């Protein structure tokens, strides 16, 4: 049974698709395809069915990541099928923990930047939606920085399955 991770932001068109794409690439680079499944969603459904923001796609593709994506909303029932739910900021963290059906499900919710030792106390990935391309680039840098630590932690859970 694969270890399942879902990245969550507000509308699932900027930060969480970026995190999904980067982390899926890291999983592939580590040779862990099939052992770790990656997806993303939003806390709200405003953009359900839409593609990622064109600026997200441009920044991802410029760095060699795929930009294909269809936005969707995270549902409480999804907790049962996820081992870890990664929030992109503290607002998402709170919303997801309120949505969680059980205390065990709420414990699955973590902040992405908590896996980046260089983040310090600022654990939010700022929403680039109302900003400029530089904000999307900065968002990608934060996501990439945290992805290594996240992968290292998940590898501890799947270690015996890779053999």
N, C-alpha and C. Protein backbone atom coordinates (compact mmCIF):
# COMPACT_ATOMS: atom_id res chain seq x y z
N UNK A 1 0.85 -1.19 0.00
CA UNK A 1 0.00 0.00 0.00
C UNK A 1 0.89 1.24 0.00
N UNK A 2 0.73 2.12 -0.97
CA UNK A 2 1.58 3.32 -1.03
C UNK A 2 1.27 4.30 0.10
N UNK A 3 2.27 5.10 0.42
CA UNK A 3 2.14 6.20 1.38
C UNK A 3 1.56 7.36 0.59
N UNK A 4 0.45 7.93 1.06
CA UNK A 4 -0.25 8.97 0.29
C UNK A 4 -0.14 10.34 0.95
N UNK A 5 0.27 11.32 0.15
CA UNK A 5 0.48 12.69 0.60
C UNK A 5 -0.37 13.63 -0.25
N UNK A 6 -1.08 14.55 0.40
CA UNK A 6 -1.86 15.55 -0.32
C UNK A 6 -1.43 16.94 0.14
N UNK A 7 -1.09 17.80 -0.81
CA UNK A 7 -0.72 19.19 -0.54
C UNK A 7 -1.97 20.05 -0.69
N UNK A 8 -2.19 20.99 0.26
CA UNK A 8 -3.41 21.78 0.25
C UNK A 8 -3.11 23.26 0.43
N UNK A 9 -3.68 24.07 -0.49
CA UNK A 9 -3.67 25.53 -0.34
C UNK A 9 -5.11 26.00 -0.44
N UNK A 10 -5.35 27.23 -0.82
CA UNK A 10 -6.71 27.78 -0.82
C UNK A 10 -7.54 27.29 -2.01
N UNK A 11 -7.10 27.60 -3.22
CA UNK A 11 -7.90 27.28 -4.40
C UNK A 11 -7.36 26.16 -5.26
N UNK A 12 -6.18 25.64 -4.89
CA UNK A 12 -5.53 24.55 -5.62
C UNK A 12 -5.16 24.96 -7.04
N UNK A 13 -4.69 26.22 -7.18
CA UNK A 13 -4.23 26.66 -8.50
C UNK A 13 -2.83 27.27 -8.46
N UNK A 14 -2.28 27.53 -7.28
CA UNK A 14 -0.94 28.14 -7.20
C UNK A 14 0.02 27.27 -6.38
N UNK A 15 -0.07 27.39 -5.06
CA UNK A 15 0.91 26.77 -4.18
C UNK A 15 0.84 25.25 -4.13
N UNK A 16 -0.35 24.70 -3.95
CA UNK A 16 -0.43 23.24 -3.80
C UNK A 16 -0.12 22.49 -5.10
N UNK A 17 -0.53 22.97 -6.29
CA UNK A 17 -0.10 22.26 -7.49
C UNK A 17 1.42 22.35 -7.68
N UNK A 18 1.99 23.47 -7.24
CA UNK A 18 3.44 23.63 -7.32
C UNK A 18 4.11 22.59 -6.43
N UNK A 19 3.61 22.47 -5.20
CA UNK A 19 4.18 21.50 -4.26
C UNK A 19 3.98 20.08 -4.76
N UNK A 20 2.82 19.79 -5.32
CA UNK A 20 2.56 18.46 -5.86
C UNK A 20 3.55 18.12 -6.97
N UNK A 21 3.76 19.02 -7.89
CA UNK A 21 4.66 18.78 -9.02
C UNK A 21 6.10 18.59 -8.56
N UNK A 22 6.56 19.44 -7.68
CA UNK A 22 7.93 19.36 -7.17
C UNK A 22 8.12 18.06 -6.39
N UNK A 23 7.18 17.76 -5.51
CA UNK A 23 7.36 16.58 -4.67
C UNK A 23 7.26 15.29 -5.50
N UNK A 24 6.37 15.27 -6.46
CA UNK A 24 6.28 14.09 -7.34
C UNK A 24 7.62 13.88 -8.06
N UNK A 25 8.26 14.95 -8.48
CA UNK A 25 9.57 14.85 -9.13
C UNK A 25 10.61 14.30 -8.15
N UNK A 26 10.58 14.78 -6.91
CA UNK A 26 11.53 14.29 -5.89
C UNK A 26 11.33 12.79 -5.62
N UNK A 27 10.08 12.38 -5.57
CA UNK A 27 9.76 10.96 -5.36
C UNK A 27 10.31 10.13 -6.51
N UNK A 28 10.13 10.61 -7.73
CA UNK A 28 10.66 9.90 -8.90
C UNK A 28 12.17 9.84 -8.90
N UNK A 29 12.82 10.96 -8.56
CA UNK A 29 14.28 11.01 -8.51
C UNK A 29 14.83 10.02 -7.48
N UNK A 30 14.07 9.81 -6.41
CA UNK A 30 14.49 8.89 -5.34
C UNK A 30 14.15 7.43 -5.67
N UNK A 31 13.51 7.21 -6.82
CA UNK A 31 13.14 5.85 -7.21
C UNK A 31 12.02 5.27 -6.37
N UNK A 32 11.14 6.14 -5.87
CA UNK A 32 10.08 5.70 -4.97
C UNK A 32 8.69 5.73 -5.60
N UNK A 33 8.64 5.87 -6.93
CA UNK A 33 7.34 5.79 -7.61
C UNK A 33 6.69 4.47 -7.23
N UNK A 34 5.41 4.51 -6.97
CA UNK A 34 4.70 3.30 -6.56
C UNK A 34 4.67 3.11 -5.06
N UNK A 35 5.64 3.71 -4.36
CA UNK A 35 5.65 3.62 -2.90
C UNK A 35 5.05 4.87 -2.25
N UNK A 36 5.12 5.99 -2.98
CA UNK A 36 4.58 7.25 -2.48
C UNK A 36 3.69 7.84 -3.56
N UNK A 37 2.43 8.15 -3.22
CA UNK A 37 1.51 8.81 -4.13
C UNK A 37 1.31 10.25 -3.69
N UNK A 38 1.25 11.14 -4.65
CA UNK A 38 1.19 12.57 -4.38
C UNK A 38 0.01 13.19 -5.12
N UNK A 39 -0.76 14.03 -4.41
CA UNK A 39 -1.81 14.80 -5.06
C UNK A 39 -1.95 16.14 -4.36
N UNK A 40 -2.94 16.92 -4.76
CA UNK A 40 -3.15 18.23 -4.14
C UNK A 40 -4.62 18.61 -4.24
N UNK A 41 -4.99 19.59 -3.43
CA UNK A 41 -6.37 20.08 -3.39
C UNK A 41 -6.38 21.46 -2.75
N UNK A 42 -7.57 22.05 -2.72
CA UNK A 42 -7.75 23.35 -2.08
C UNK A 42 -8.73 23.26 -0.92
N UNK A 43 -8.64 24.20 0.00
CA UNK A 43 -9.61 24.24 1.09
C UNK A 43 -10.96 24.75 0.61
N UNK A 44 -10.94 25.47 -0.52
CA UNK A 44 -12.17 26.00 -1.09
C UNK A 44 -12.33 25.51 -2.52
N UNK A 45 -13.55 25.56 -3.03
CA UNK A 45 -13.82 25.01 -4.35
C UNK A 45 -14.02 26.02 -5.46
N UNK A 46 -13.54 27.25 -5.27
CA UNK A 46 -13.78 28.29 -6.27
C UNK A 46 -13.25 27.92 -7.65
N UNK A 47 -12.16 27.18 -7.71
CA UNK A 47 -11.49 26.91 -8.98
C UNK A 47 -11.61 25.45 -9.42
N UNK A 48 -12.51 24.68 -8.79
CA UNK A 48 -12.64 23.26 -9.14
C UNK A 48 -12.80 23.10 -10.65
N UNK A 49 -12.01 22.19 -11.20
CA UNK A 49 -12.06 21.92 -12.63
C UNK A 49 -11.15 22.79 -13.47
N UNK A 50 -10.63 23.88 -12.90
CA UNK A 50 -9.72 24.77 -13.63
C UNK A 50 -8.31 24.21 -13.62
N UNK A 51 -7.50 24.67 -14.55
CA UNK A 51 -6.09 24.35 -14.55
C UNK A 51 -5.36 25.23 -13.54
N UNK A 52 -4.09 24.96 -13.36
CA UNK A 52 -3.27 25.80 -12.48
C UNK A 52 -3.16 27.21 -13.06
N UNK A 53 -2.91 28.17 -12.20
CA UNK A 53 -2.69 29.55 -12.63
C UNK A 53 -1.57 29.54 -13.68
N UNK A 54 -1.73 30.28 -14.77
CA UNK A 54 -0.71 30.29 -15.83
C UNK A 54 0.69 30.67 -15.32
N UNK A 55 0.74 31.51 -14.28
CA UNK A 55 2.05 31.89 -13.73
C UNK A 55 2.69 30.71 -13.00
N UNK A 56 1.87 29.89 -12.34
CA UNK A 56 2.38 28.68 -11.70
C UNK A 56 2.94 27.75 -12.76
N UNK A 57 2.18 27.55 -13.81
CA UNK A 57 2.62 26.66 -14.90
C UNK A 57 3.93 27.17 -15.50
N UNK A 58 4.03 28.48 -15.74
CA UNK A 58 5.23 29.05 -16.34
C UNK A 58 6.45 28.85 -15.45
N UNK A 59 6.29 29.07 -14.15
CA UNK A 59 7.42 28.92 -13.22
C UNK A 59 7.82 27.45 -13.11
N UNK A 60 6.84 26.56 -13.04
CA UNK A 60 7.15 25.14 -12.98
C UNK A 60 7.87 24.67 -14.23
N UNK A 61 7.32 25.00 -15.39
CA UNK A 61 7.90 24.53 -16.64
C UNK A 61 9.29 25.12 -16.89
N UNK A 62 9.52 26.35 -16.44
CA UNK A 62 10.84 26.97 -16.58
C UNK A 62 11.90 26.19 -15.81
N UNK A 63 11.48 25.50 -14.75
CA UNK A 63 12.41 24.72 -13.93
C UNK A 63 12.35 23.22 -14.24
N UNK A 64 11.62 22.87 -15.30
CA UNK A 64 11.60 21.48 -15.73
C UNK A 64 10.55 20.59 -15.08
N UNK A 65 9.61 21.20 -14.37
CA UNK A 65 8.53 20.43 -13.76
C UNK A 65 7.29 20.46 -14.65
N UNK A 66 6.50 19.39 -14.64
CA UNK A 66 5.25 19.42 -15.42
C UNK A 66 4.24 20.39 -14.81
N UNK A 67 3.45 21.01 -15.68
CA UNK A 67 2.47 21.99 -15.20
C UNK A 67 1.04 21.53 -15.35
N UNK A 68 0.81 20.28 -15.79
CA UNK A 68 -0.56 19.78 -15.94
C UNK A 68 -1.23 19.66 -14.57
N UNK A 69 -2.48 20.15 -14.49
CA UNK A 69 -3.16 20.13 -13.20
C UNK A 69 -4.64 20.45 -13.40
N UNK A 70 -5.49 19.85 -12.57
CA UNK A 70 -6.90 20.21 -12.51
C UNK A 70 -7.26 20.44 -11.04
N UNK A 71 -7.73 21.62 -10.73
CA UNK A 71 -8.04 21.99 -9.35
C UNK A 71 -9.23 21.22 -8.80
N UNK A 72 -9.16 20.95 -7.50
CA UNK A 72 -10.27 20.28 -6.80
C UNK A 72 -10.24 20.69 -5.33
N UNK A 73 -11.32 20.40 -4.65
CA UNK A 73 -11.47 20.77 -3.25
C UNK A 73 -11.23 19.55 -2.36
N UNK A 74 -10.51 19.76 -1.26
CA UNK A 74 -10.26 18.69 -0.29
C UNK A 74 -11.55 18.38 0.47
N UNK A 75 -11.86 17.12 0.60
CA UNK A 75 -13.06 16.66 1.30
C UNK A 75 -12.68 15.93 2.59
N UNK A 76 -13.50 16.05 3.60
CA UNK A 76 -13.23 15.39 4.88
C UNK A 76 -13.05 13.88 4.70
N UNK A 77 -13.78 13.30 3.79
CA UNK A 77 -13.68 11.85 3.57
C UNK A 77 -12.30 11.43 3.04
N UNK A 78 -11.54 12.37 2.51
CA UNK A 78 -10.22 12.05 1.96
C UNK A 78 -9.19 11.72 3.03
N UNK A 79 -9.43 12.16 4.26
CA UNK A 79 -8.47 11.87 5.33
C UNK A 79 -8.21 10.37 5.44
N UNK A 80 -9.24 9.57 5.27
CA UNK A 80 -9.09 8.12 5.41
C UNK A 80 -8.10 7.55 4.40
N UNK A 81 -7.95 8.19 3.26
CA UNK A 81 -7.07 7.69 2.22
C UNK A 81 -5.74 8.42 2.12
N UNK A 82 -5.40 9.25 3.11
CA UNK A 82 -4.15 9.99 3.10
C UNK A 82 -3.39 9.71 4.39
N UNK A 83 -2.08 9.56 4.25
CA UNK A 83 -1.22 9.38 5.42
C UNK A 83 -0.75 10.71 5.97
N UNK A 84 -0.65 11.70 5.09
CA UNK A 84 -0.16 13.01 5.46
C UNK A 84 -0.86 14.05 4.60
N UNK A 85 -1.32 15.13 5.24
CA UNK A 85 -1.96 16.23 4.53
C UNK A 85 -1.11 17.47 4.83
N UNK A 86 -0.52 18.02 3.79
CA UNK A 86 0.46 19.10 3.94
C UNK A 86 -0.18 20.44 3.60
N UNK A 87 -0.32 21.28 4.62
CA UNK A 87 -0.89 22.62 4.46
C UNK A 87 0.21 23.59 4.05
N UNK A 88 -0.15 24.55 3.19
CA UNK A 88 0.84 25.52 2.72
C UNK A 88 0.93 26.75 3.60
N UNK A 89 -0.08 27.00 4.45
CA UNK A 89 0.05 28.07 5.43
C UNK A 89 -0.80 27.74 6.66
N UNK A 90 -0.67 28.57 7.69
CA UNK A 90 -1.34 28.27 8.96
C UNK A 90 -2.87 28.36 8.85
N UNK A 91 -3.37 29.17 7.94
CA UNK A 91 -4.82 29.23 7.72
C UNK A 91 -5.33 27.90 7.18
N UNK A 92 -4.60 27.30 6.26
CA UNK A 92 -4.98 25.99 5.73
C UNK A 92 -4.86 24.92 6.82
N UNK A 93 -3.82 25.03 7.63
CA UNK A 93 -3.61 24.08 8.73
C UNK A 93 -4.83 24.07 9.64
N UNK A 94 -5.27 25.27 10.05
CA UNK A 94 -6.44 25.36 10.93
C UNK A 94 -7.70 24.83 10.25
N UNK A 95 -7.93 25.22 9.00
CA UNK A 95 -9.13 24.78 8.28
C UNK A 95 -9.16 23.26 8.13
N UNK A 96 -8.03 22.68 7.81
CA UNK A 96 -7.96 21.22 7.63
C UNK A 96 -8.16 20.48 8.95
N UNK A 97 -7.58 21.01 10.01
CA UNK A 97 -7.76 20.34 11.31
C UNK A 97 -9.21 20.43 11.78
N UNK A 98 -9.89 21.54 11.47
CA UNK A 98 -11.32 21.65 11.80
C UNK A 98 -12.15 20.66 10.97
N UNK A 99 -11.74 20.44 9.74
CA UNK A 99 -12.45 19.54 8.83
C UNK A 99 -12.23 18.06 9.17
N UNK A 100 -11.14 17.77 9.84
CA UNK A 100 -10.77 16.38 10.13
C UNK A 100 -11.84 15.69 10.97
N UNK A 101 -12.28 14.49 10.55
CA UNK A 101 -13.33 13.77 11.28
C UNK A 101 -12.89 13.25 12.65
N UNK A 102 -11.59 12.97 12.82
CA UNK A 102 -11.10 12.41 14.09
C UNK A 102 -9.83 13.13 14.53
N UNK A 103 -9.46 13.02 15.80
CA UNK A 103 -8.18 13.59 16.24
C UNK A 103 -6.99 12.97 15.49
N UNK A 104 -7.08 11.70 15.16
CA UNK A 104 -6.02 11.06 14.38
C UNK A 104 -5.87 11.67 13.00
N UNK A 105 -7.00 12.01 12.39
CA UNK A 105 -6.95 12.67 11.09
C UNK A 105 -6.36 14.07 11.22
N UNK A 106 -6.73 14.79 12.26
CA UNK A 106 -6.19 16.13 12.48
C UNK A 106 -4.67 16.08 12.66
N UNK A 107 -4.18 15.01 13.26
CA UNK A 107 -2.74 14.86 13.48
C UNK A 107 -1.97 14.62 12.18
N UNK A 108 -2.66 14.26 11.13
CA UNK A 108 -2.02 14.04 9.82
C UNK A 108 -1.66 15.36 9.14
N UNK A 109 -2.21 16.47 9.61
CA UNK A 109 -2.03 17.76 8.95
C UNK A 109 -0.77 18.44 9.48
N UNK A 110 0.11 18.81 8.55
CA UNK A 110 1.37 19.47 8.90
C UNK A 110 1.62 20.62 7.94
N UNK A 111 2.46 21.55 8.35
CA UNK A 111 2.87 22.66 7.49
C UNK A 111 4.08 22.26 6.65
N UNK A 112 4.05 22.57 5.37
CA UNK A 112 5.14 22.20 4.49
C UNK A 112 6.48 22.74 4.98
N UNK A 113 6.52 24.01 5.33
CA UNK A 113 7.81 24.62 5.69
C UNK A 113 8.35 24.13 7.03
N UNK A 114 7.57 23.34 7.76
CA UNK A 114 8.09 22.76 9.00
C UNK A 114 9.17 21.72 8.68
N UNK A 115 9.26 21.31 7.42
CA UNK A 115 10.27 20.36 6.97
C UNK A 115 11.52 21.05 6.44
N UNK A 116 11.57 22.38 6.52
CA UNK A 116 12.72 23.15 6.04
C UNK A 116 13.40 23.81 7.23
N UNK A 117 14.56 23.28 7.65
CA UNK A 117 15.25 23.87 8.81
C UNK A 117 15.60 25.34 8.64
N UNK A 118 15.76 25.80 7.39
CA UNK A 118 16.10 27.20 7.14
C UNK A 118 14.90 28.13 7.27
N UNK A 119 13.70 27.58 7.40
CA UNK A 119 12.49 28.42 7.47
C UNK A 119 12.39 29.20 8.77
N UNK A 120 13.01 28.72 9.81
CA UNK A 120 12.90 29.41 11.10
C UNK A 120 11.49 29.35 11.62
N UNK A 121 11.00 30.48 12.10
CA UNK A 121 9.65 30.53 12.66
C UNK A 121 8.58 30.88 11.64
N UNK A 122 8.99 31.33 10.46
CA UNK A 122 8.04 31.71 9.41
C UNK A 122 7.71 30.49 8.56
N UNK A 123 6.63 29.79 8.92
CA UNK A 123 6.31 28.52 8.28
C UNK A 123 5.26 28.63 7.18
N UNK A 124 4.80 29.82 6.87
CA UNK A 124 3.83 29.99 5.79
C UNK A 124 4.52 30.15 4.43
N UNK A 125 3.94 29.53 3.42
CA UNK A 125 4.33 29.82 2.04
C UNK A 125 3.32 30.89 1.59
N UNK A 126 3.76 32.12 1.38
CA UNK A 126 2.83 33.20 1.04
C UNK A 126 2.10 32.94 -0.28
N UNK A 127 0.86 33.36 -0.33
CA UNK A 127 0.04 33.19 -1.53
C UNK A 127 0.53 34.16 -2.61
N UNK A 128 1.00 33.64 -3.75
CA UNK A 128 1.51 34.54 -4.80
C UNK A 128 0.41 35.07 -5.73
N UNK A 129 -0.83 34.63 -5.55
CA UNK A 129 -1.91 34.89 -6.50
C UNK A 129 -2.06 36.38 -6.86
N UNK A 130 -2.02 37.26 -5.89
CA UNK A 130 -2.21 38.69 -6.16
C UNK A 130 -0.89 39.42 -6.39
N UNK A 131 0.19 38.66 -6.52
CA UNK A 131 1.50 39.25 -6.70
C UNK A 131 2.00 39.20 -8.12
N UNK A 132 3.30 39.19 -8.25
CA UNK A 132 3.97 39.22 -9.54
C UNK A 132 4.72 37.90 -9.75
N UNK A 133 5.35 37.75 -10.89
CA UNK A 133 6.09 36.52 -11.18
C UNK A 133 7.15 36.23 -10.13
N UNK A 134 7.78 37.26 -9.60
CA UNK A 134 8.80 37.06 -8.56
C UNK A 134 8.21 36.33 -7.36
N UNK A 135 6.95 36.59 -7.05
CA UNK A 135 6.31 35.92 -5.93
C UNK A 135 6.11 34.43 -6.20
N UNK A 136 5.84 34.09 -7.44
CA UNK A 136 5.71 32.68 -7.83
C UNK A 136 7.06 31.97 -7.78
N UNK A 137 8.10 32.67 -8.19
CA UNK A 137 9.45 32.11 -8.13
C UNK A 137 9.84 31.87 -6.68
N UNK A 138 9.56 32.84 -5.81
CA UNK A 138 9.87 32.70 -4.39
C UNK A 138 9.09 31.52 -3.78
N UNK A 139 7.84 31.38 -4.16
CA UNK A 139 7.01 30.27 -3.70
C UNK A 139 7.65 28.95 -4.10
N UNK A 140 8.08 28.83 -5.34
CA UNK A 140 8.71 27.61 -5.81
C UNK A 140 9.98 27.32 -5.01
N UNK A 141 10.77 28.33 -4.73
CA UNK A 141 12.00 28.14 -3.95
C UNK A 141 11.68 27.60 -2.56
N UNK A 142 10.63 28.12 -1.92
CA UNK A 142 10.23 27.64 -0.60
C UNK A 142 9.78 26.19 -0.65
N UNK A 143 9.00 25.87 -1.67
CA UNK A 143 8.51 24.50 -1.85
C UNK A 143 9.67 23.54 -2.06
N UNK A 144 10.60 23.92 -2.92
CA UNK A 144 11.76 23.06 -3.18
C UNK A 144 12.59 22.86 -1.92
N UNK A 145 12.79 23.92 -1.15
CA UNK A 145 13.59 23.83 0.07
C UNK A 145 12.99 22.87 1.09
N UNK A 146 11.68 22.86 1.19
CA UNK A 146 11.02 22.01 2.18
C UNK A 146 10.86 20.56 1.71
N UNK A 147 10.89 20.35 0.41
CA UNK A 147 10.61 19.02 -0.14
C UNK A 147 11.62 17.96 0.27
N UNK A 148 12.88 18.33 0.41
CA UNK A 148 13.90 17.34 0.80
C UNK A 148 13.64 16.81 2.19
N UNK A 149 13.34 17.69 3.13
CA UNK A 149 13.06 17.26 4.50
C UNK A 149 11.80 16.42 4.59
N UNK A 150 10.79 16.80 3.82
CA UNK A 150 9.56 16.02 3.80
C UNK A 150 9.82 14.63 3.25
N UNK A 151 10.56 14.55 2.15
CA UNK A 151 10.86 13.25 1.56
C UNK A 151 11.66 12.39 2.53
N UNK A 152 12.61 12.99 3.23
CA UNK A 152 13.41 12.23 4.20
C UNK A 152 12.52 11.62 5.28
N UNK A 153 11.56 12.39 5.77
CA UNK A 153 10.67 11.87 6.81
C UNK A 153 9.79 10.74 6.26
N UNK A 154 9.25 10.92 5.09
CA UNK A 154 8.39 9.89 4.51
C UNK A 154 9.19 8.63 4.21
N UNK A 155 10.43 8.79 3.79
CA UNK A 155 11.28 7.63 3.51
C UNK A 155 11.42 6.73 4.74
N UNK A 156 11.40 7.32 5.92
CA UNK A 156 11.46 6.53 7.15
C UNK A 156 10.25 5.60 7.25
N UNK A 157 9.11 6.06 6.76
CA UNK A 157 7.88 5.26 6.81
C UNK A 157 7.84 4.16 5.75
N UNK A 158 8.49 4.40 4.62
CA UNK A 158 8.41 3.44 3.52
C UNK A 158 9.70 2.64 3.33
N UNK A 159 10.66 2.84 4.22
CA UNK A 159 11.99 2.25 4.07
C UNK A 159 11.97 0.76 3.74
N UNK A 160 11.28 -0.05 4.51
CA UNK A 160 11.28 -1.49 4.31
C UNK A 160 10.56 -1.93 3.05
N UNK A 161 9.68 -1.10 2.52
CA UNK A 161 8.90 -1.47 1.33
C UNK A 161 9.73 -1.38 0.06
N UNK A 162 10.80 -0.59 0.05
CA UNK A 162 11.59 -0.38 -1.17
C UNK A 162 12.51 -1.55 -1.45
N UNK A 163 12.79 -2.37 -0.47
CA UNK A 163 13.74 -3.48 -0.64
C UNK A 163 13.18 -4.60 -1.49
